[in-house]
Structures are given as structure tokens and as C-alpha cells.
Amino acid sequence: MRPVAVVVALVVAAVAGVMVFAWQSGGDCPGGTEFRSEQACTASGRTAERCRAMLAEAHAMLARSGPVYGTREQCQDRHTTCQESRSAAGFTPRASGFCLMQGPPERILPRFGR
């Protein structure tokens, strides 16, 4: 194998590793406001209904595109709570909170952790 190919492969592997780590840890919230719970959201002055809706959207986003584990037990070994995946057979973590990115339009990024 050529040295250039080895270097390119190592760089690609390193970038992929960082991306997987960021996804598994829930990423970050650059320029947004992070709410670790529904209660934290309501404490910021938003209505309970709006906070529930935003958290429900975060749950739905993870169900559609979160990391998928074959069984609930495998998921719960890494995450506090899990839900059935909508995109593949298995289970994904449930959101423990969300990041609210100011818009327009406002965007929600689910937060989940170990």
C-alpha cells in the first residue's frame, strides 16, 4: 500500500471516530440553548406545552435517526432510557433533553447521554 493511501485512510478513520463519538455523546450545542430536561425548559419561561412538544420532537428524531441497538438491553447498557427505532429493527436512546437552535426556523437537536 502506498504511504499516501495509508495517511488518507488514517485521516478518514480519525474523522469518522470523532463523528461517532460526538453522535454517541449527543454532540454539542453551538450557538443554541441546551435544555437538559422539560423542567429546565419551563424554567426558561416557555410554556409546559411547548417544552413537552419540543422534547417529544427530540424523542421522535432519535427514533428515526439515532444509533440503533439490536435489543433494548444493549441500548440500556449505554443509555438511560431507550425506545423502539422507527428506521430499523432495534432500539434507540430516548432524548434526555434538547438543544434549541435559534432560527428562523428554530431547530431542535436531541440530547442523550450515557
PDB file of N, CA and C in Angstrom:
ATOM      1  N   MET A   1       0.847  -1.175   0.000  1.00  0.00           N
ATOM      2  CA  MET A   1       0.000   0.000   0.000  1.00  0.00           C
ATOM      3  C   MET A   1       0.895   1.241   0.000  1.00  0.00           C
ATOM      4  N   ARG A   2       0.499   2.226  -0.735  1.00  0.00           N
ATOM      5  CA  ARG A   2       1.282   3.459  -0.813  1.00  0.00           C
ATOM      6  C   ARG A   2       1.170   4.257   0.483  1.00  0.00           C
ATOM      7  N   PRO A   3       2.230   4.983   0.846  1.00  0.00           N
ATOM      8  CA  PRO A   3       2.186   5.788   2.063  1.00  0.00           C
ATOM      9  C   PRO A   3       1.073   6.833   2.060  1.00  0.00           C
ATOM     10  N   VAL A   4       0.789   7.421   0.905  1.00  0.00           N
ATOM     11  CA  VAL A   4      -0.276   8.422   0.820  1.00  0.00           C
ATOM     12  C   VAL A   4      -1.624   7.778   1.132  1.00  0.00           C
ATOM     13  N   ALA A   5      -1.839   6.585   0.621  1.00  0.00           N
ATOM     14  CA  ALA A   5      -3.102   5.882   0.873  1.00  0.00           C
ATOM     15  C   ALA A   5      -3.254   5.557   2.357  1.00  0.00           C
ATOM     16  N   VAL A   6      -2.159   5.198   3.007  1.00  0.00           N
ATOM     17  CA  VAL A   6      -2.202   4.899   4.435  1.00  0.00           C
ATOM     18  C   VAL A   6      -2.553   6.160   5.224  1.00  0.00           C
ATOM     19  N   VAL A   7      -1.939   7.272   4.876  1.00  0.00           N
ATOM     20  CA  VAL A   7      -2.213   8.529   5.575  1.00  0.00           C
ATOM     21  C   VAL A   7      -3.670   8.937   5.369  1.00  0.00           C
ATOM     22  N   VAL A   8      -4.164   8.844   4.145  1.00  0.00           N
ATOM     23  CA  VAL A   8      -5.558   9.197   3.861  1.00  0.00           C
ATOM     24  C   VAL A   8      -6.497   8.290   4.650  1.00  0.00           C
ATOM     25  N   ALA A   9      -6.210   7.001   4.682  1.00  0.00           N
ATOM     26  CA  ALA A   9      -7.047   6.064   5.435  1.00  0.00           C
ATOM     27  C   ALA A   9      -7.053   6.400   6.923  1.00  0.00           C
ATOM     28  N   LEU A  10      -5.916   6.757   7.474  1.00  0.00           N
ATOM     29  CA  LEU A  10      -5.843   7.119   8.894  1.00  0.00           C
ATOM     30  C   LEU A  10      -6.616   8.399   9.185  1.00  0.00           C
ATOM     31  N   VAL A  11      -6.525   9.376   8.294  1.00  0.00           N
ATOM     32  CA  VAL A  11      -7.263  10.625   8.483  1.00  0.00           C
ATOM     33  C   VAL A  11      -8.763  10.366   8.429  1.00  0.00           C
ATOM     34  N   VAL A  12      -9.204   9.584   7.450  1.00  0.00           N
ATOM     35  CA  VAL A  12     -10.627   9.256   7.328  1.00  0.00           C
ATOM     36  C   VAL A  12     -11.107   8.507   8.576  1.00  0.00           C
ATOM     37  N   ALA A  13     -10.324   7.560   9.052  1.00  0.00           N
ATOM     38  CA  ALA A  13     -10.693   6.804  10.253  1.00  0.00           C
ATOM     39  C   ALA A  13     -10.766   7.719  11.480  1.00  0.00           C
ATOM     40  N   ALA A  14      -9.840   8.662  11.602  1.00  0.00           N
ATOM     41  CA  ALA A  14      -9.854   9.582  12.739  1.00  0.00           C
ATOM     42  C   ALA A  14     -11.081  10.479  12.706  1.00  0.00           C
ATOM     43  N   VAL A  15     -11.407  11.020  11.544  1.00  0.00           N
ATOM     44  CA  VAL A  15     -12.590  11.876  11.411  1.00  0.00           C
ATOM     45  C   VAL A  15     -13.850  11.077  11.726  1.00  0.00           C
ATOM     46  N   ALA A  16     -13.941   9.866  11.211  1.00  0.00           N
ATOM     47  CA  ALA A  16     -15.106   9.018  11.490  1.00  0.00           C
ATOM     48  C   ALA A  16     -15.215   8.724  12.980  1.00  0.00           C
ATOM     49  N   GLY A  17     -14.092   8.489  13.630  1.00  0.00           N
ATOM     50  CA  GLY A  17     -14.112   8.232  15.072  1.00  0.00           C
ATOM     51  C   GLY A  17     -14.624   9.417  15.861  1.00  0.00           C
ATOM     52  N   VAL A  18     -14.187  10.612  15.494  1.00  0.00           N
ATOM     53  CA  VAL A  18     -14.658  11.819  16.175  1.00  0.00           C
ATOM     54  C   VAL A  18     -16.149  12.005  15.950  1.00  0.00           C
ATOM     55  N   MET A  19     -16.617  11.769  14.725  1.00  0.00           N
ATOM     56  CA  MET A  19     -18.045  11.916  14.425  1.00  0.00           C
ATOM     57  C   MET A  19     -18.880  10.918  15.224  1.00  0.00           C
ATOM     58  N   VAL A  20     -18.434   9.682  15.311  1.00  0.00           N
ATOM     59  CA  VAL A  20     -19.157   8.671  16.086  1.00  0.00           C
ATOM     60  C   VAL A  20     -19.185   9.062  17.560  1.00  0.00           C
ATOM     61  N   PHE A  21     -18.054   9.526  18.099  1.00  0.00           N
ATOM     62  CA  PHE A  21     -18.021   9.951  19.494  1.00  0.00           C
ATOM     63  C   PHE A  21     -19.005  11.087  19.739  1.00  0.00           C
ATOM     64  N   ALA A  22     -19.002  12.082  18.846  1.00  0.00           N
ATOM     65  CA  ALA A  22     -19.916  13.220  19.008  1.00  0.00           C
ATOM     66  C   ALA A  22     -21.362  12.750  18.944  1.00  0.00           C
ATOM     67  N   TRP A  23     -21.680  11.841  18.025  1.00  0.00           N
ATOM     68  CA  TRP A  23     -23.058  11.346  17.915  1.00  0.00           C
ATOM     69  C   TRP A  23     -23.438  10.554  19.158  1.00  0.00           C
ATOM     70  N   GLN A  24     -22.552   9.683  19.627  1.00  0.00           N
ATOM     71  CA  GLN A  24     -22.849   8.849  20.791  1.00  0.00           C
ATOM     72  C   GLN A  24     -22.989   9.678  22.063  1.00  0.00           C
ATOM     73  N   SER A  25     -22.283  10.791  22.144  1.00  0.00           N
ATOM     74  CA  SER A  25     -22.368  11.611  23.345  1.00  0.00           C
ATOM     75  C   SER A  25     -23.421  12.694  23.220  1.00  0.00           C
ATOM     76  N   GLY A  26     -24.123  12.724  22.089  1.00  0.00           N
ATOM     77  CA  GLY A  26     -25.177  13.703  21.902  1.00  0.00           C
ATOM     78  C   GLY A  26     -24.703  14.966  21.224  1.00  0.00           C
ATOM     79  N   GLY A  27     -23.429  15.029  20.846  1.00  0.00           N
ATOM     80  CA  GLY A  27     -22.941  16.195  20.136  1.00  0.00           C
ATOM     81  C   GLY A  27     -22.824  17.409  21.026  1.00  0.00           C
ATOM     82  N   ASP A  28     -22.769  18.573  20.406  1.00  0.00           N
ATOM     83  CA  ASP A  28     -22.698  19.806  21.171  1.00  0.00           C
ATOM     84  C   ASP A  28     -23.833  20.730  20.754  1.00  0.00           C
ATOM     85  N   CYS A  29     -23.867  21.904  21.302  1.00  0.00           N
ATOM     86  CA  CYS A  29     -24.971  22.832  21.074  1.00  0.00           C
ATOM     87  C   CYS A  29     -24.403  24.208  20.710  1.00  0.00           C
ATOM     88  N   PRO A  30     -23.699  24.301  19.566  1.00  0.00           N
ATOM     89  CA  PRO A  30     -23.040  25.565  19.227  1.00  0.00           C
ATOM     90  C   PRO A  30     -24.048  26.663  18.898  1.00  0.00           C
ATOM     91  N   GLY A  31     -24.006  27.735  19.657  1.00  0.00           N
ATOM     92  CA  GLY A  31     -24.879  28.867  19.381  1.00  0.00           C
ATOM     93  C   GLY A  31     -26.326  28.671  19.786  1.00  0.00           C
ATOM     94  N   GLY A  32     -26.632  27.552  20.417  1.00  0.00           N
ATOM     95  CA  GLY A  32     -28.001  27.278  20.836  1.00  0.00           C
ATOM     96  C   GLY A  32     -28.128  27.286  22.345  1.00  0.00           C
ATOM     97  N   THR A  33     -29.331  26.987  22.801  1.00  0.00           N
ATOM     98  CA  THR A  33     -29.597  26.885  24.235  1.00  0.00           C
ATOM     99  C   THR A  33     -29.895  25.434  24.559  1.00  0.00           C
ATOM    100  N   GLU A  34     -29.158  24.880  25.484  1.00  0.00           N
ATOM    101  CA  GLU A  34     -29.344  23.477  25.841  1.00  0.00           C
ATOM    102  C   GLU A  34     -30.274  23.368  27.037  1.00  0.00           C
ATOM    103  N   PHE A  35     -31.264  22.495  26.908  1.00  0.00           N
ATOM    104  CA  PHE A  35     -32.191  22.194  27.991  1.00  0.00           C
ATOM    105  C   PHE A  35     -32.022  20.729  28.331  1.00  0.00           C
ATOM    106  N   ARG A  36     -31.576  20.444  29.550  1.00  0.00           N
ATOM    107  CA  ARG A  36     -31.319  19.066  29.963  1.00  0.00           C
ATOM    108  C   ARG A  36     -32.582  18.326  30.388  1.00  0.00           C
ATOM    109  N   SER A  37     -33.697  19.053  30.523  1.00  0.00           N
ATOM    110  CA  SER A  37     -34.955  18.424  30.922  1.00  0.00           C
ATOM    111  C   SER A  37     -36.114  19.336  30.550  1.00  0.00           C
ATOM    112  N   GLU A  38     -37.314  18.798  30.634  1.00  0.00           N
ATOM    113  CA  GLU A  38     -38.509  19.599  30.402  1.00  0.00           C
ATOM    114  C   GLU A  38     -38.608  20.697  31.459  1.00  0.00           C
ATOM    115  N   GLN A  39     -38.227  20.381  32.690  1.00  0.00           N
ATOM    116  CA  GLN A  39     -38.282  21.362  33.771  1.00  0.00           C
ATOM    117  C   GLN A  39     -37.330  22.536  33.505  1.00  0.00           C
ATOM    118  N   ALA A  40     -36.157  22.262  32.973  1.00  0.00           N
ATOM    119  CA  ALA A  40     -35.215  23.334  32.641  1.00  0.00           C
ATOM    120  C   ALA A  40     -35.789  24.227  31.547  1.00  0.00           C
ATOM    121  N   CYS A  41     -36.507  23.630  30.622  1.00  0.00           N
ATOM    122  CA  CYS A  41     -37.138  24.395  29.548  1.00  0.00           C
ATOM    123  C   CYS A  41     -38.212  25.331  30.105  1.00  0.00           C
ATOM    124  N   THR A  42     -39.074  24.804  30.974  1.00  0.00           N
ATOM    125  CA  THR A  42     -40.140  25.643  31.538  1.00  0.00           C
ATOM    126  C   THR A  42     -39.561  26.728  32.452  1.00  0.00           C
ATOM    127  N   ALA A  43     -38.445  26.432  33.119  1.00  0.00           N
ATOM    128  CA  ALA A  43     -37.808  27.429  33.976  1.00  0.00           C
ATOM    129  C   ALA A  43     -37.274  28.608  33.155  1.00  0.00           C
ATOM    130  N   SER A  44     -37.085  28.395  31.846  1.00  0.00           N
ATOM    131  CA  SER A  44     -36.588  29.479  30.989  1.00  0.00           C
ATOM    132  C   SER A  44     -37.707  30.409  30.535  1.00  0.00           C
ATOM    133  N   GLY A  45     -38.951  30.107  30.952  1.00  0.00           N
ATOM    134  CA  GLY A  45     -40.068  30.978  30.617  1.00  0.00           C
ATOM    135  C   GLY A  45     -40.962  30.461  29.506  1.00  0.00           C
ATOM    136  N   ARG A  46     -40.652  29.317  28.940  1.00  0.00           N
ATOM    137  CA  ARG A  46     -41.502  28.726  27.916  1.00  0.00           C
ATOM    138  C   ARG A  46     -42.638  27.968  28.582  1.00  0.00           C
ATOM    139  N   THR A  47     -43.729  27.777  27.853  1.00  0.00           N
ATOM    140  CA  THR A  47     -44.868  27.068  28.430  1.00  0.00           C
ATOM    141  C   THR A  47     -44.553  25.581  28.536  1.00  0.00           C
ATOM    142  N   ALA A  48     -45.218  24.918  29.469  1.00  0.00           N
ATOM    143  CA  ALA A  48     -45.035  23.481  29.652  1.00  0.00           C
ATOM    144  C   ALA A  48     -45.441  22.731  28.389  1.00  0.00           C
ATOM    145  N   GLU A  49     -46.505  23.186  27.727  1.00  0.00           N
ATOM    146  CA  GLU A  49     -46.953  22.532  26.489  1.00  0.00           C
ATOM    147  C   GLU A  49     -45.883  22.605  25.416  1.00  0.00           C
ATOM    148  N   ARG A  50     -45.280  23.780  25.243  1.00  0.00           N
ATOM    149  CA  ARG A  50     -44.239  23.957  24.222  1.00  0.00           C
ATOM    150  C   ARG A  50     -43.020  23.106  24.558  1.00  0.00           C
ATOM    151  N   CYS A  51     -42.637  23.060  25.814  1.00  0.00           N
ATOM    152  CA  CYS A  51     -41.482  22.260  26.215  1.00  0.00           C
ATOM    153  C   CYS A  51     -41.738  20.772  25.995  1.00  0.00           C
ATOM    154  N   ARG A  52     -42.949  20.310  26.336  1.00  0.00           N
ATOM    155  CA  ARG A  52     -43.304  18.903  26.095  1.00  0.00           C
ATOM    156  C   ARG A  52     -43.242  18.589  24.613  1.00  0.00           C
ATOM    157  N   ALA A  53     -43.742  19.503  23.783  1.00  0.00           N
ATOM    158  CA  ALA A  53     -43.746  19.295  22.336  1.00  0.00           C
ATOM    159  C   ALA A  53     -42.320  19.235  21.784  1.00  0.00           C
ATOM    160  N   MET A  54     -41.446  20.099  22.273  1.00  0.00           N
ATOM    161  CA  MET A  54     -40.063  20.091  21.794  1.00  0.00           C
ATOM    162  C   MET A  54     -39.339  18.820  22.231  1.00  0.00           C
ATOM    163  N   LEU A  55     -39.583  18.361  23.465  1.00  0.00           N
ATOM    164  CA  LEU A  55     -38.967  17.124  23.925  1.00  0.00           C
ATOM    165  C   LEU A  55     -39.510  15.930  23.143  1.00  0.00           C
ATOM    166  N   ALA A  56     -40.813  15.940  22.840  1.00  0.00           N
ATOM    167  CA  ALA A  56     -41.403  14.868  22.030  1.00  0.00           C
ATOM    168  C   ALA A  56     -40.779  14.848  20.634  1.00  0.00           C
ATOM    169  N   GLU A  57     -40.514  16.017  20.087  1.00  0.00           N
ATOM    170  CA  GLU A  57     -39.853  16.084  18.774  1.00  0.00           C
ATOM    171  C   GLU A  57     -38.441  15.506  18.849  1.00  0.00           C
ATOM    172  N   ALA A  58     -37.738  15.787  19.940  1.00  0.00           N
ATOM    173  CA  ALA A  58     -36.391  15.231  20.122  1.00  0.00           C
ATOM    174  C   ALA A  58     -36.444  13.708  20.215  1.00  0.00           C
ATOM    175  N   HIS A  59     -37.448  13.169  20.938  1.00  0.00           N
ATOM    176  CA  HIS A  59     -37.623  11.707  21.008  1.00  0.00           C
ATOM    177  C   HIS A  59     -37.855  11.137  19.613  1.00  0.00           C
ATOM    178  N   ALA A  60     -38.738  11.787  18.848  1.00  0.00           N
ATOM    179  CA  ALA A  60     -39.074  11.304  17.505  1.00  0.00           C
ATOM    180  C   ALA A  60     -37.860  11.345  16.583  1.00  0.00           C
ATOM    181  N   MET A  61     -37.049  12.388  16.710  1.00  0.00           N
ATOM    182  CA  MET A  61     -35.848  12.477  15.872  1.00  0.00           C
ATOM    183  C   MET A  61     -34.898  11.314  16.155  1.00  0.00           C
ATOM    184  N   LEU A  62     -34.718  10.990  17.429  1.00  0.00           N
ATOM    185  CA  LEU A  62     -33.841   9.863  17.769  1.00  0.00           C
ATOM    186  C   LEU A  62     -34.438   8.539  17.295  1.00  0.00           C
ATOM    187  N   ALA A  63     -35.754   8.393  17.384  1.00  0.00           N
ATOM    188  CA  ALA A  63     -36.394   7.153  16.932  1.00  0.00           C
ATOM    189  C   ALA A  63     -36.189   6.955  15.426  1.00  0.00           C
ATOM    190  N   ARG A  64     -36.133   8.073  14.679  1.00  0.00           N
ATOM    191  CA  ARG A  64     -35.943   7.989  13.229  1.00  0.00           C
ATOM    192  C   ARG A  64     -34.490   7.831  12.827  1.00  0.00           C
ATOM    193  N   SER A  65     -33.568   8.485  13.565  1.00  0.00           N
ATOM    194  CA  SER A  65     -32.195   8.526  13.067  1.00  0.00           C
ATOM    195  C   SER A  65     -31.118   8.373  14.137  1.00  0.00           C
ATOM    196  N   GLY A  66     -31.487   7.911  15.314  1.00  0.00           N
ATOM    197  CA  GLY A  66     -30.493   7.725  16.371  1.00  0.00           C
ATOM    198  C   GLY A  66     -29.706   6.444  16.179  1.00  0.00           C
ATOM    199  N   PRO A  67     -28.692   6.232  17.014  1.00  0.00           N
ATOM    200  CA  PRO A  67     -27.943   4.976  16.940  1.00  0.00           C
ATOM    201  C   PRO A  67     -28.871   3.817  17.300  1.00  0.00           C
ATOM    202  N   VAL A  68     -28.778   2.725  16.548  1.00  0.00           N
ATOM    203  CA  VAL A  68     -29.688   1.593  16.726  1.00  0.00           C
ATOM    204  C   VAL A  68     -28.937   0.418  17.345  1.00  0.00           C
ATOM    205  N   TYR A  69     -29.558  -0.168  18.378  1.00  0.00           N
ATOM    206  CA  TYR A  69     -29.027  -1.350  19.052  1.00  0.00           C
ATOM    207  C   TYR A  69     -30.000  -2.505  18.812  1.00  0.00           C
ATOM    208  N   GLY A  70     -29.478  -3.706  18.724  1.00  0.00           N
ATOM    209  CA  GLY A  70     -30.293  -4.872  18.412  1.00  0.00           C
ATOM    210  C   GLY A  70     -31.353  -5.196  19.451  1.00  0.00           C
ATOM    211  N   THR A  71     -31.043  -4.989  20.725  1.00  0.00           N
ATOM    212  CA  THR A  71     -32.001  -5.282  21.789  1.00  0.00           C
ATOM    213  C   THR A  71     -32.104  -4.094  22.745  1.00  0.00           C
ATOM    214  N   ARG A  72     -33.186  -4.063  23.506  1.00  0.00           N
ATOM    215  CA  ARG A  72     -33.357  -2.990  24.495  1.00  0.00           C
ATOM    216  C   ARG A  72     -32.228  -3.050  25.522  1.00  0.00           C
ATOM    217  N   GLU A  73     -31.818  -4.256  25.907  1.00  0.00           N
ATOM    218  CA  GLU A  73     -30.763  -4.405  26.904  1.00  0.00           C
ATOM    219  C   GLU A  73     -29.442  -3.814  26.407  1.00  0.00           C
ATOM    220  N   GLN A  74     -29.101  -4.041  25.120  1.00  0.00           N
ATOM    221  CA  GLN A  74     -27.878  -3.460  24.566  1.00  0.00           C
ATOM    222  C   GLN A  74     -27.948  -1.936  24.597  1.00  0.00           C
ATOM    223  N   CYS A  75     -29.104  -1.402  24.286  1.00  0.00           N
ATOM    224  CA  CYS A  75     -29.287   0.051  24.308  1.00  0.00           C
ATOM    225  C   CYS A  75     -29.168   0.578  25.733  1.00  0.00           C
ATOM    226  N   GLN A  76     -29.817  -0.102  26.685  1.00  0.00           N
ATOM    227  CA  GLN A  76     -29.804   0.363  28.070  1.00  0.00           C
ATOM    228  C   GLN A  76     -28.449   0.165  28.743  1.00  0.00           C
ATOM    229  N   ASP A  77     -27.594  -0.667  28.171  1.00  0.00           N
ATOM    230  CA  ASP A  77     -26.232  -0.777  28.691  1.00  0.00           C
ATOM    231  C   ASP A  77     -25.465   0.529  28.467  1.00  0.00           C
ATOM    232  N   ARG A  78     -25.876   1.299  27.466  1.00  0.00           N
ATOM    233  CA  ARG A  78     -25.176   2.538  27.116  1.00  0.00           C
ATOM    234  C   ARG A  78     -25.968   3.802  27.414  1.00  0.00           C
ATOM    235  N   HIS A  79     -27.284   3.694  27.497  1.00  0.00           N
ATOM    236  CA  HIS A  79     -28.130   4.881  27.657  1.00  0.00           C
ATOM    237  C   HIS A  79     -29.149   4.667  28.766  1.00  0.00           C
ATOM    238  N   THR A  80     -29.610   5.759  29.359  1.00  0.00           N
ATOM    239  CA  THR A  80     -30.528   5.684  30.487  1.00  0.00           C
ATOM    240  C   THR A  80     -31.866   5.080  30.096  1.00  0.00           C
ATOM    241  N   THR A  81     -32.490   5.614  29.064  1.00  0.00           N
ATOM    242  CA  THR A  81     -33.775   5.088  28.601  1.00  0.00           C
ATOM    243  C   THR A  81     -33.733   4.898  27.092  1.00  0.00           C
ATOM    244  N   CYS A  82     -34.491   3.915  26.620  1.00  0.00           N
ATOM    245  CA  CYS A  82     -34.483   3.579  25.203  1.00  0.00           C
ATOM    246  C   CYS A  82     -35.906   3.457  24.673  1.00  0.00           C
ATOM    247  N   GLN A  83     -36.028   3.511  23.347  1.00  0.00           N
ATOM    248  CA  GLN A  83     -37.307   3.405  22.669  1.00  0.00           C
ATOM    249  C   GLN A  83     -37.106   2.593  21.388  1.00  0.00           C
ATOM    250  N   GLU A  84     -38.189   2.098  20.824  1.00  0.00           N
ATOM    251  CA  GLU A  84     -38.083   1.364  19.572  1.00  0.00           C
ATOM    252  C   GLU A  84     -37.698   2.308  18.450  1.00  0.00           C
ATOM    253  N   SER A  85     -36.842   1.826  17.571  1.00  0.00           N
ATOM    254  CA  SER A  85     -36.425   2.610  16.418  1.00  0.00           C
ATOM    255  C   SER A  85     -37.513   2.564  15.356  1.00  0.00           C
ATOM    256  N   ARG A  86     -37.691   3.658  14.640  1.00  0.00           N
ATOM    257  CA  ARG A  86     -38.652   3.692  13.537  1.00  0.00           C
ATOM    258  C   ARG A  86     -37.974   3.430  12.195  1.00  0.00           C
ATOM    259  N   SER A  87     -36.645   3.531  12.149  1.00  0.00           N
ATOM    260  CA  SER A  87     -35.949   3.399  10.871  1.00  0.00           C
ATOM    261  C   SER A  87     -35.353   2.011  10.655  1.00  0.00           C
ATOM    262  N   ALA A  88     -35.135   1.267  11.712  1.00  0.00           N
ATOM    263  CA  ALA A  88     -34.535  -0.062  11.606  1.00  0.00           C
ATOM    264  C   ALA A  88     -35.010  -0.895  12.789  1.00  0.00           C
ATOM    265  N   ALA A  89     -34.884  -2.199  12.664  1.00  0.00           N
ATOM    266  CA  ALA A  89     -35.274  -3.075  13.762  1.00  0.00           C
ATOM    267  C   ALA A  89     -34.291  -2.879  14.911  1.00  0.00           C
ATOM    268  N   GLY A  90     -34.815  -2.579  16.081  1.00  0.00           N
ATOM    269  CA  GLY A  90     -33.963  -2.396  17.240  1.00  0.00           C
ATOM    270  C   GLY A  90     -34.435  -1.246  18.102  1.00  0.00           C
ATOM    271  N   PHE A  91     -33.508  -0.726  18.912  1.00  0.00           N
ATOM    272  CA  PHE A  91     -33.842   0.301  19.888  1.00  0.00           C
ATOM    273  C   PHE A  91     -32.849   1.459  19.810  1.00  0.00           C
ATOM    274  N   THR A  92     -33.337   2.664  20.056  1.00  0.00           N
ATOM    275  CA  THR A  92     -32.519   3.872  20.085  1.00  0.00           C
ATOM    276  C   THR A  92     -32.684   4.540  21.448  1.00  0.00           C
ATOM    277  N   PRO A  93     -31.729   5.397  21.836  1.00  0.00           N
ATOM    278  CA  PRO A  93     -31.907   6.108  23.103  1.00  0.00           C
ATOM    279  C   PRO A  93     -33.060   7.097  23.023  1.00  0.00           C
ATOM    280  N   ARG A  94     -33.668   7.390  24.169  1.00  0.00           N
ATOM    281  CA  ARG A  94     -34.662   8.465  24.260  1.00  0.00           C
ATOM    282  C   ARG A  94     -33.913   9.736  24.622  1.00  0.00           C
ATOM    283  N   ALA A  95     -34.434  10.844  24.197  1.00  0.00           N
ATOM    284  CA  ALA A  95     -33.794  12.123  24.481  1.00  0.00           C
ATOM    285  C   ALA A  95     -33.884  12.433  25.972  1.00  0.00           C
ATOM    286  N   SER A  96     -32.787  12.904  26.529  1.00  0.00           N
ATOM    287  CA  SER A  96     -32.797  13.341  27.920  1.00  0.00           C
ATOM    288  C   SER A  96     -32.996  14.849  27.991  1.00  0.00           C
ATOM    289  N   GLY A  97     -32.935  15.487  26.856  1.00  0.00           N
ATOM    290  CA  GLY A  97     -33.117  16.923  26.733  1.00  0.00           C
ATOM    291  C   GLY A  97     -32.957  17.298  25.277  1.00  0.00           C
ATOM    292  N   PHE A  98     -32.762  18.584  25.014  1.00  0.00           N
ATOM    293  CA  PHE A  98     -32.593  19.012  23.632  1.00  0.00           C
ATOM    294  C   PHE A  98     -31.843  20.328  23.576  1.00  0.00           C
ATOM    295  N   CYS A  99     -31.300  20.594  22.410  1.00  0.00           N
ATOM    296  CA  CYS A  99     -30.633  21.847  22.120  1.00  0.00           C
ATOM    297  C   CYS A  99     -31.564  22.622  21.200  1.00  0.00           C
ATOM    298  N   LEU A 100     -31.856  23.846  21.554  1.00  0.00           N
ATOM    299  CA  LEU A 100     -32.731  24.688  20.741  1.00  0.00           C
ATOM    300  C   LEU A 100     -31.861  25.686  19.993  1.00  0.00           C
ATOM    301  N   MET A 101     -31.789  25.507  18.683  1.00  0.00           N
ATOM    302  CA  MET A 101     -31.016  26.398  17.821  1.00  0.00           C
ATOM    303  C   MET A 101     -31.962  27.482  17.318  1.00  0.00           C
ATOM    304  N   GLN A 102     -31.591  28.726  17.547  1.00  0.00           N
ATOM    305  CA  GLN A 102     -32.438  29.834  17.125  1.00  0.00           C
ATOM    306  C   GLN A 102     -32.508  29.896  15.608  1.00  0.00           C
ATOM    307  N   GLY A 103     -33.644  30.312  15.082  1.00  0.00           N
ATOM    308  CA  GLY A 103     -33.901  30.316  13.642  1.00  0.00           C
ATOM    309  C   GLY A 103     -33.864  31.698  13.067  1.00  0.00           C
ATOM    310  N   PRO A 104     -34.618  31.961  12.083  1.00  0.00           N
ATOM    311  CA  PRO A 104     -35.743  31.125  11.672  1.00  0.00           C
ATOM    312  C   PRO A 104     -35.311  30.020  10.728  1.00  0.00           C
ATOM    313  N   PRO A 105     -35.960  28.900  10.754  1.00  0.00           N
ATOM    314  CA  PRO A 105     -36.842  28.434  11.822  1.00  0.00           C
ATOM    315  C   PRO A 105     -36.013  27.883  12.975  1.00  0.00           C
ATOM    316  N   GLU A 106     -36.632  27.793  14.148  1.00  0.00           N
ATOM    317  CA  GLU A 106     -35.961  27.163  15.286  1.00  0.00           C
ATOM    318  C   GLU A 106     -35.730  25.694  14.943  1.00  0.00           C
ATOM    319  N   ARG A 107     -34.602  25.177  15.373  1.00  0.00           N
ATOM    320  CA  ARG A 107     -34.308  23.758  15.163  1.00  0.00           C
ATOM    321  C   ARG A 107     -34.034  23.105  16.494  1.00  0.00           C
ATOM    322  N   ILE A 108     -34.416  21.850  16.589  1.00  0.00           N
ATOM    323  CA  ILE A 108     -34.198  21.090  17.808  1.00  0.00           C
ATOM    324  C   ILE A 108     -33.204  19.980  17.518  1.00  0.00           C
ATOM    325  N   LEU A 109     -32.210  19.847  18.375  1.00  0.00           N
ATOM    326  CA  LEU A 109     -31.258  18.751  18.296  1.00  0.00           C
ATOM    327  C   LEU A 109     -31.403  17.934  19.561  1.00  0.00           C
ATOM    328  N   PRO A 110     -31.678  16.630  19.439  1.00  0.00           N
ATOM    329  CA  PRO A 110     -31.866  15.819  20.646  1.00  0.00           C
ATOM    330  C   PRO A 110     -30.566  15.672  21.425  1.00  0.00           C
ATOM    331  N   ARG A 111     -30.685  15.597  22.736  1.00  0.00           N
ATOM    332  CA  ARG A 111     -29.562  15.376  23.643  1.00  0.00           C
ATOM    333  C   ARG A 111     -29.781  14.033  24.312  1.00  0.00           C
ATOM    334  N   PHE A 112     -28.764  13.247  24.374  1.00  0.00           N
ATOM    335  CA  PHE A 112     -28.830  11.977  25.089  1.00  0.00           C
ATOM    336  C   PHE A 112     -27.447  11.644  25.567  1.00  0.00           C
ATOM    337  N   GLY A 113     -27.375  10.862  26.588  1.00  0.00           N
ATOM    338  CA  GLY A 113     -26.069  10.536  27.131  1.00  0.00           C
ATOM    339  C   GLY A 113     -26.065   9.156  27.737  1.00  0.00           C
ATOM    340  N   ARG A 114     -25.003   8.859  28.371  1.00  0.00           N
ATOM    341  CA  ARG A 114     -24.835   7.542  28.982  1.00  0.00           C
ATOM    342  C   ARG A 114     -25.517   7.518  30.323  1.00  0.00           C
TER     343      ARG A 114
END
